[in-house]
């Protein structure tokens, strides 16, 4: 498993996932920056699919996507890009959207910071999420979001073994 550490800090309302990859930083970055690659790992556990509709990784840009579960149920999400420094840094606000893709204002958002650094001949990825409230963090942890996200990151390994195009 790629994920080497998951840290939950309920006082700071943060969740940090650390993962190590046997691939250079630029290759791991492409899993975030290429919408076709992103949709192959982002989202739910195995059996879920993600379709990226919009993918603009520039400050103020938006990423929108549709996740479909094995039972056919769908949910939409979005990112608003706060900052980006290819190939090492991405910060965004992550939220849920309605069936038309419009952000749902009364559902809390999460601030996400991704950092990619060289580590032991490969890449170490830190994904640091900051929640609005203890209730929001508790709810996502109870729903299994930590395990689901770790499984999603685990899918990155298979993509990194493919030829780099």
Foldseek 3Di string as FASTA:
>chain_A
DFWDDWDQDLVQQKIKTKGWALAALQLLQCCQQPQVNVQQQPDFAPQKTKHWDDGDQAQQDKIKIWIAHNVGDIWIKMWGWHHDDPPFKTKTKIATAPPVRHGDVVQWIKIWIWGWDDDPNTIMIMIMIHTPHSVNSVVCVVVVVVVGNVNSVVSVRVVSPDDSD
